[in-house]
Amino acid sequence: MEELLKTPLHARQQELKTKNVSFCGWDMPIQFDGIIAEHGYCRNDVALFDTSHMGEFFFKGDIQTSGINEATSVNIDALEIGKCKYGFLLNEQGGVIDDLIIYRLSEDELMIVVNASRRAIDFDTLNARITNASLEDKSIEYAKLDVQGPRSKAILEKYFDVDLDELKFFSFVQTKVFDSDCLLSRTGYTGELGYELYIDAETSVKLWDALILDGAKPAGLGARDILRLEMGYSLYGNDLSEDITPLEANLGKFVNLKRDYVGKAALVKQKEDGLKRILLPFKTTTRRSARKDFEVYQNDKKIGFVTSGAFSPILNVGVGLAMIDIDGFDKDQSIELRDKRSSLEANIAALPFITK
């Protein structure tokens, strides 16, 4: 059996008696004090997530001539230094190889943040699409901490000589913390005020300890999944895959069909031909929640499958996303979610499930 990778904070987390799971080749904490409690820390105060499993690639070269601007759906040429943008690495059929965030570090330097499960294929794909430029995978060199929640700015202010009020959503600064380099980004996967910090391994332990002493509560992947789902954020491997396009995933606002990049032609054709299926949000009528791969029925006809599902502590019902066949579907009628043991009634909803 292949040994799981461990983040620099693994030992600290073990001291807290965390419950860990295997996640994308990493030994990651799924919960500390309990998923519902940790969800509350983030929504009401401040939660601290270890997301050091994420991948970080560093590009250096000419943006216009290297091919990097056509390698993903992100228009890097129009991205200002100090800004970052969400987008997709697509295959020729328009399917999502990965969703990612690209950071414009300088005129000719980028950081590309990718999902842990797709790191190898992302690196090979991007490398094959660029010329006369360098791409380095520094994922193992970097640790990443997410500080999320209403009190995140207040708890971070004393560590940075930066006016955090001036740091707008999807902006970042390259700064210092504990005399070490830190990329501080006003981003997150929770819908709350929050920041993501890219730092070295040793500094991540110092900062973890300091933030916990300041009152930040550690939170795991379980709470993170509920938090992102309440906002309707997609999860690769569930709501996105090489067989699902951004248009089918209801993420058309993140793709510009007027500029050229790999996969764009397929998206244009799909839009012209008309979508056959689309990812839609739903709420169950009780506290019970559906899980990935539940089948979706309407009038006893199978019309799709659940991609993500969880119980929302705020709404007190199950919420989720389902890939629905458009033909014959009536959005005004309830749907039924079934697995081999049970069935749930649900209704199509609107995103986000909660307003922040």
Protein backbone atom coordinates (compact mmCIF):
# COMPACT_ATOMS: atom_id res chain seq x y z
CA MET A 1 0.00 0.00 0.00
CA GLU A 2 1.33 3.42 -0.98
CA GLU A 3 2.22 5.60 2.00
CA LEU A 4 0.06 8.70 2.27
CA LEU A 5 1.65 12.12 2.07
CA LYS A 6 1.50 14.24 5.22
CA THR A 7 1.28 18.01 5.46
CA PRO A 8 3.77 19.92 7.67
CA LEU A 9 0.95 20.27 10.22
CA HIS A 10 0.19 16.56 10.52
CA ALA A 11 1.95 16.15 13.88
CA ARG A 12 0.17 19.19 15.35
CA GLN A 13 -3.16 17.82 14.18
CA GLN A 14 -2.49 14.42 15.70
CA GLU A 15 -1.92 16.13 19.05
CA LEU A 16 -5.47 17.49 18.73
CA LYS A 17 -6.83 13.94 18.25
CA THR A 18 -8.08 14.69 14.77
CA LYS A 19 -9.97 12.11 12.74
CA ASN A 20 -8.09 11.65 9.47
CA VAL A 21 -8.97 10.15 6.09
CA SER A 22 -7.13 9.31 2.90
CA PHE A 23 -7.77 12.17 0.47
CA CYS A 24 -6.11 12.38 -2.95
CA GLY A 25 -3.01 10.59 -1.69
CA TRP A 26 -2.78 12.66 1.50
CA ASP A 27 -3.53 11.86 5.14
CA MET A 28 -5.93 14.74 5.84
CA PRO A 29 -8.08 15.76 8.84
CA ILE A 30 -11.79 15.36 8.22
CA GLN A 31 -12.77 16.72 11.63
CA PHE A 32 -11.44 17.96 14.98
CA ASP A 33 -14.32 18.91 17.29
CA GLY A 34 -17.02 17.64 14.92
CA ILE A 35 -18.18 18.67 11.47
CA ILE A 36 -21.21 20.68 12.61
CA ALA A 37 -19.22 22.51 15.30
CA GLU A 38 -16.47 23.38 12.82
CA HIS A 39 -19.02 24.60 10.30
CA GLY A 40 -20.25 26.97 13.02
CA TYR A 41 -16.75 28.21 13.78
CA CYS A 42 -16.40 29.33 10.16
CA ARG A 43 -19.85 30.84 9.76
CA ASN A 44 -19.83 32.68 13.10
CA ASP A 45 -16.21 33.30 14.14
CA VAL A 46 -12.98 32.09 12.52
CA ALA A 47 -11.85 28.66 11.34
CA LEU A 48 -8.38 27.48 10.38
CA PHE A 49 -8.02 24.94 7.56
CA ASP A 50 -4.89 23.08 6.50
CA THR A 51 -5.10 22.84 2.69
CA SER A 52 -1.44 22.09 2.06
CA HIS A 53 -2.43 19.21 -0.21
CA MET A 54 -3.27 21.65 -3.01
CA GLY A 55 -0.85 21.94 -5.92
CA GLU A 56 1.17 25.04 -6.83
CA PHE A 57 2.83 25.47 -10.23
CA PHE A 58 5.05 28.43 -11.11
CA PHE A 59 5.23 29.72 -14.68
CA LYS A 60 7.82 32.10 -16.09
CA GLY A 61 7.77 33.30 -19.67
CA ASP A 62 6.09 35.56 -22.17
CA ILE A 63 2.32 35.42 -21.61
CA GLN A 64 1.44 36.24 -25.20
CA THR A 65 3.90 34.05 -27.10
CA SER A 66 4.33 31.01 -24.82
CA GLY A 67 0.85 29.57 -25.32
CA ILE A 68 -0.10 29.85 -21.64
CA ASN A 69 -2.87 32.34 -22.43
CA GLU A 70 -4.61 29.73 -24.60
CA ALA A 71 -3.85 26.78 -22.32
CA THR A 72 -6.73 27.53 -19.92
CA SER A 73 -10.01 29.44 -20.00
CA VAL A 74 -8.45 32.29 -17.98
CA ASN A 75 -7.51 35.36 -20.01
CA ILE A 76 -4.16 35.88 -18.31
CA ASP A 77 -3.18 38.67 -20.68
CA ALA A 78 -5.98 40.78 -19.18
CA LEU A 79 -5.19 39.80 -15.58
CA GLU A 80 -3.57 42.56 -13.55
CA ILE A 81 -0.53 41.93 -11.36
CA GLY A 82 -1.80 41.27 -7.83
CA LYS A 83 -5.04 39.74 -9.09
CA CYS A 84 -6.10 36.12 -9.43
CA LYS A 85 -8.90 34.45 -11.36
CA TYR A 86 -10.85 31.19 -11.32
CA GLY A 87 -11.08 29.12 -14.48
CA PHE A 88 -10.66 25.76 -16.17
CA LEU A 89 -8.09 23.53 -17.80
CA LEU A 90 -10.17 21.89 -20.54
CA ASN A 91 -9.74 19.00 -22.93
CA GLU A 92 -10.53 19.32 -26.65
CA GLN A 93 -14.11 18.13 -25.98
CA GLY A 94 -14.69 20.94 -23.48
CA GLY A 95 -14.56 18.61 -20.47
CA VAL A 96 -12.87 19.86 -17.32
CA ILE A 97 -9.43 18.38 -16.69
CA ASP A 98 -9.33 20.58 -13.59
CA ASP A 99 -10.61 23.84 -12.17
CA LEU A 100 -7.89 26.17 -10.97
CA ILE A 101 -6.95 29.66 -9.87
CA ILE A 102 -4.24 31.63 -11.67
CA TYR A 103 -2.30 34.35 -9.80
CA ARG A 104 -0.50 37.09 -11.79
CA LEU A 105 2.73 37.51 -9.80
CA SER A 106 4.49 39.80 -12.28
CA GLU A 107 4.48 40.66 -15.97
CA ASP A 108 5.92 37.24 -16.86
CA GLU A 109 5.32 35.10 -13.72
CA LEU A 110 2.26 33.17 -12.58
CA MET A 111 1.27 30.84 -9.77
CA ILE A 112 -1.31 28.25 -10.81
CA VAL A 113 -3.15 26.52 -7.97
CA VAL A 114 -4.64 23.13 -8.82
CA ASN A 115 -6.43 20.26 -7.10
CA ALA A 116 -4.28 17.60 -5.44
CA SER A 117 -5.97 14.75 -7.30
CA ARG A 118 -5.20 16.35 -10.69
CA ARG A 119 -1.72 17.65 -10.04
CA ALA A 120 0.18 15.21 -12.27
CA ILE A 121 -2.15 15.40 -15.28
CA ASP A 122 -2.44 19.19 -14.92
CA PHE A 123 1.32 19.63 -14.97
CA ASP A 124 1.80 17.37 -18.00
CA THR A 125 -1.08 19.01 -19.88
CA LEU A 126 0.11 22.55 -19.23
CA ASN A 127 3.69 21.67 -20.09
CA ALA A 128 2.56 20.23 -23.41
CA ARG A 129 0.68 23.42 -24.25
CA ILE A 130 3.49 25.95 -23.66
CA THR A 131 6.75 26.69 -25.46
CA ASN A 132 9.83 28.75 -24.62
CA ALA A 133 8.74 29.08 -21.00
CA SER A 134 9.32 27.29 -17.70
CA LEU A 135 6.77 25.55 -15.50
CA GLU A 136 7.83 24.26 -12.07
CA ASP A 137 5.82 22.11 -9.69
CA LYS A 138 6.60 23.40 -6.19
CA SER A 139 3.62 21.82 -4.48
CA ILE A 140 5.65 19.90 -1.90
CA GLU A 141 7.63 23.03 -1.01
CA TYR A 142 4.54 25.00 -0.06
CA ALA A 143 2.13 24.78 2.84
CA LYS A 144 -1.25 26.47 2.64
CA LEU A 145 -3.47 27.74 5.45
CA ASP A 146 -7.02 29.03 4.94
CA VAL A 147 -8.25 31.47 7.59
CA GLN A 148 -11.99 31.84 7.04
CA GLY A 149 -14.86 33.45 8.90
CA PRO A 150 -16.21 36.85 10.02
CA ARG A 151 -13.27 37.37 12.39
CA SER A 152 -10.56 36.30 9.94
CA LYS A 153 -9.37 39.82 9.15
CA ALA A 154 -9.23 40.79 12.80
CA ILE A 155 -7.18 37.76 13.76
CA LEU A 156 -4.67 38.18 10.90
CA GLU A 157 -4.08 41.94 11.09
CA LYS A 158 -1.34 41.84 13.70
CA TYR A 159 0.80 39.48 11.61
CA PHE A 160 0.98 41.57 8.44
CA ASP A 161 2.16 45.06 7.56
CA VAL A 162 -0.69 45.21 5.04
CA ASP A 163 -4.00 47.08 5.10
CA LEU A 164 -6.35 44.11 4.78
CA ASP A 165 -9.27 46.45 4.15
CA GLU A 166 -7.59 47.37 0.87
CA LEU A 167 -7.22 43.73 -0.19
CA LYS A 168 -10.26 43.13 -2.37
CA PHE A 169 -11.83 39.77 -3.32
CA PHE A 170 -9.56 37.79 -5.66
CA SER A 171 -6.61 40.09 -4.95
CA PHE A 172 -3.35 39.16 -3.22
CA VAL A 173 -0.07 40.56 -1.92
CA GLN A 174 3.40 39.06 -1.67
CA THR A 175 4.49 39.89 1.86
CA LYS A 176 6.19 38.47 4.96
CA VAL A 177 5.04 36.62 8.08
CA PHE A 178 7.50 35.58 10.81
CA ASP A 179 10.24 36.95 8.49
CA SER A 180 9.36 34.41 5.80
CA ASP A 181 7.82 34.95 2.37
CA CYS A 182 4.04 34.66 2.25
CA LEU A 183 1.52 35.08 -0.53
CA LEU A 184 -1.62 36.39 1.18
CA SER A 185 -4.73 36.01 -0.93
CA ARG A 186 -8.25 37.34 -0.32
CA THR A 187 -9.89 34.13 -1.50
CA GLY A 188 -11.57 31.06 -0.04
CA TYR A 189 -13.94 28.14 -0.52
CA THR A 190 -16.48 28.97 2.19
CA GLY A 191 -18.39 32.09 1.15
CA GLU A 192 -17.16 33.91 4.26
CA LEU A 193 -14.68 36.72 4.63
CA GLY A 194 -11.40 34.84 4.42
CA TYR A 195 -7.80 34.54 3.32
CA GLU A 196 -5.53 31.86 1.89
CA LEU A 197 -1.85 31.91 2.86
CA TYR A 198 0.93 30.23 0.89
CA ILE A 199 4.03 29.77 3.06
CA ASP A 200 6.92 27.38 3.71
CA ALA A 201 6.55 24.31 5.90
CA GLU A 202 8.34 25.66 8.98
CA THR A 203 6.43 28.92 8.94
CA SER A 204 3.11 27.11 8.57
CA VAL A 205 3.64 25.40 11.93
CA LYS A 206 4.53 28.70 13.65
CA LEU A 207 1.50 30.42 12.19
CA TRP A 208 -0.84 27.51 12.98
CA ASP A 209 0.25 27.59 16.63
CA ALA A 210 -0.07 31.38 16.83
CA LEU A 211 -3.52 31.54 15.26
CA ILE A 212 -4.87 28.82 17.53
CA LEU A 213 -3.56 30.71 20.56
CA ASP A 214 -5.39 33.76 19.19
CA GLY A 215 -8.65 31.80 19.14
CA ALA A 216 -8.89 30.37 15.62
CA LYS A 217 -10.49 26.92 15.65
CA PRO A 218 -9.07 24.14 13.47
CA ALA A 219 -11.52 22.68 10.96
CA GLY A 220 -11.35 19.72 8.61
CA LEU A 221 -12.47 18.63 5.18
CA GLY A 222 -15.94 17.63 6.42
CA ALA A 223 -16.93 21.15 7.42
CA ARG A 224 -15.24 22.58 4.33
CA ASP A 225 -17.42 20.42 2.10
CA ILE A 226 -20.65 21.63 3.72
CA LEU A 227 -19.48 25.25 3.63
CA ARG A 228 -18.67 25.16 -0.08
CA LEU A 229 -21.88 23.31 -0.93
CA GLU A 230 -24.04 25.87 0.90
CA MET A 231 -22.55 28.44 -1.48
CA GLY A 232 -22.97 26.19 -4.52
CA TYR A 233 -19.22 25.94 -5.18
CA SER A 234 -18.19 22.99 -7.36
CA LEU A 235 -15.94 20.14 -6.21
CA TYR A 236 -13.72 18.45 -8.77
CA GLY A 237 -14.46 14.73 -9.03
CA ASN A 238 -18.07 15.34 -8.01
CA ASP A 239 -19.54 18.29 -9.87
CA LEU A 240 -16.75 18.62 -12.43
CA SER A 241 -14.90 16.01 -14.49
CA GLU A 242 -13.43 15.38 -17.92
CA ASP A 243 -16.91 14.28 -18.99
CA ILE A 244 -18.64 17.43 -17.70
CA THR A 245 -18.22 20.81 -19.40
CA PRO A 246 -18.43 24.17 -17.60
CA LEU A 247 -21.72 24.84 -19.42
CA GLU A 248 -23.21 21.58 -18.14
CA ALA A 249 -21.88 22.39 -14.67
CA ASN A 250 -23.87 25.66 -14.78
CA LEU A 251 -20.61 27.64 -14.72
CA GLY A 252 -20.97 29.41 -18.04
CA LYS A 253 -20.23 32.78 -16.39
CA PHE A 254 -16.63 31.63 -15.92
CA VAL A 255 -15.95 30.93 -19.61
CA ASN A 256 -15.55 33.57 -22.31
CA LEU A 257 -16.65 32.14 -25.65
CA LYS A 258 -15.21 35.10 -27.59
CA ARG A 259 -11.52 34.30 -27.03
CA ASP A 260 -9.45 31.29 -28.09
CA TYR A 261 -8.29 28.53 -25.75
CA VAL A 262 -8.23 24.74 -25.80
CA GLY A 263 -11.80 23.42 -25.54
CA LYS A 264 -13.50 26.67 -26.55
CA ALA A 265 -14.69 25.38 -29.93
CA ALA A 266 -16.42 22.43 -28.26
CA LEU A 267 -18.17 24.76 -25.81
CA VAL A 268 -19.37 27.01 -28.63
CA LYS A 269 -20.78 24.00 -30.48
CA GLN A 270 -22.43 22.68 -27.32
CA LYS A 271 -24.10 26.03 -26.74
CA GLU A 272 -25.26 26.24 -30.37
CA ASP A 273 -26.64 22.69 -30.34
CA GLY A 274 -28.30 23.20 -26.95
CA LEU A 275 -27.45 21.55 -23.65
CA LYS A 276 -28.77 18.06 -23.05
CA ARG A 277 -28.17 18.19 -19.29
CA ILE A 278 -27.32 20.73 -16.61
CA LEU A 279 -26.24 20.78 -12.97
CA LEU A 280 -29.02 22.07 -10.73
CA PRO A 281 -29.26 22.75 -6.99
CA PHE A 282 -31.86 21.04 -4.82
CA LYS A 283 -33.16 21.06 -1.25
CA THR A 284 -34.68 18.03 0.40
CA THR A 285 -37.94 18.40 2.31
CA THR A 286 -36.45 16.99 5.53
CA ARG A 287 -33.18 16.97 7.47
CA ARG A 288 -32.07 13.90 5.53
CA SER A 289 -29.55 14.50 2.76
CA ALA A 290 -28.70 12.65 -0.43
CA ARG A 291 -25.16 11.63 -1.28
CA LYS A 292 -23.10 11.44 -4.44
CA ASP A 293 -24.53 8.99 -7.01
CA PHE A 294 -28.09 8.96 -5.67
CA GLU A 295 -30.34 8.61 -8.72
CA VAL A 296 -32.80 11.39 -9.54
CA TYR A 297 -36.36 10.58 -10.62
CA GLN A 298 -39.36 12.62 -11.68
CA ASN A 299 -42.74 10.95 -12.31
CA ASP A 300 -40.96 7.63 -11.77
CA LYS A 301 -38.58 8.30 -14.67
CA LYS A 302 -34.85 8.46 -14.05
CA ILE A 303 -33.62 11.90 -15.14
CA GLY A 304 -30.19 12.26 -13.56
CA PHE A 305 -27.85 11.71 -10.64
CA VAL A 306 -26.64 13.55 -7.55
CA THR A 307 -23.09 14.88 -7.74
CA SER A 308 -22.87 16.40 -4.23
CA GLY A 309 -25.08 16.36 -1.15
CA ALA A 310 -24.90 17.28 2.53
CA PHE A 311 -26.95 18.45 5.50
CA SER A 312 -27.00 22.23 5.88
CA PRO A 313 -26.91 23.24 9.57
CA ILE A 314 -28.16 26.71 8.64
CA LEU A 315 -31.15 25.63 6.55
CA ASN A 316 -31.80 22.49 8.60
CA VAL A 317 -32.42 20.45 5.42
CA GLY A 318 -30.37 18.48 2.94
CA VAL A 319 -28.86 20.42 0.03
CA GLY A 320 -27.03 19.29 -3.04
CA LEU A 321 -26.29 19.43 -6.75
CA ALA A 322 -27.62 17.02 -9.37
CA MET A 323 -26.93 16.54 -13.07
CA ILE A 324 -30.38 16.63 -14.68
CA ASP A 325 -31.43 15.62 -18.21
CA ILE A 326 -33.19 18.67 -19.64
CA ASP A 327 -35.56 16.82 -21.99
CA GLY A 328 -38.90 16.26 -20.25
CA PHE A 329 -37.79 17.77 -16.94
CA ASP A 330 -40.26 20.05 -15.13
CA LYS A 331 -38.44 22.41 -12.75
CA ASP A 332 -41.69 23.26 -10.99
CA GLN A 333 -42.33 19.66 -9.92
CA SER A 334 -40.62 17.92 -7.04
CA ILE A 335 -37.96 15.29 -7.66
CA GLU A 336 -37.16 12.01 -5.91
CA LEU A 337 -33.64 11.02 -4.88
CA ARG A 338 -33.06 7.30 -4.57
CA ASP A 339 -30.35 4.87 -3.60
CA LYS A 340 -30.71 1.14 -2.95
CA ARG A 341 -32.02 1.66 0.59
CA SER A 342 -34.07 4.83 0.64
CA SER A 343 -35.66 7.70 -1.24
CA LEU A 344 -35.98 11.41 -0.50
CA GLU A 345 -38.27 14.11 -1.80
CA ALA A 346 -36.58 17.32 -2.96
CA ASN A 347 -37.26 20.51 -4.85
CA ILE A 348 -35.11 22.44 -7.30
CA ALA A 349 -33.61 25.48 -5.56
CA ALA A 350 -31.53 28.55 -6.39
CA LEU A 351 -27.87 29.27 -5.65
CA PRO A 352 -26.39 30.16 -3.35
CA PHE A 353 -28.36 28.16 -0.82
CA ILE A 354 -27.50 30.76 1.80
CA THR A 355 -26.81 34.47 1.25
CA LYS A 356 -23.61 35.93 2.63
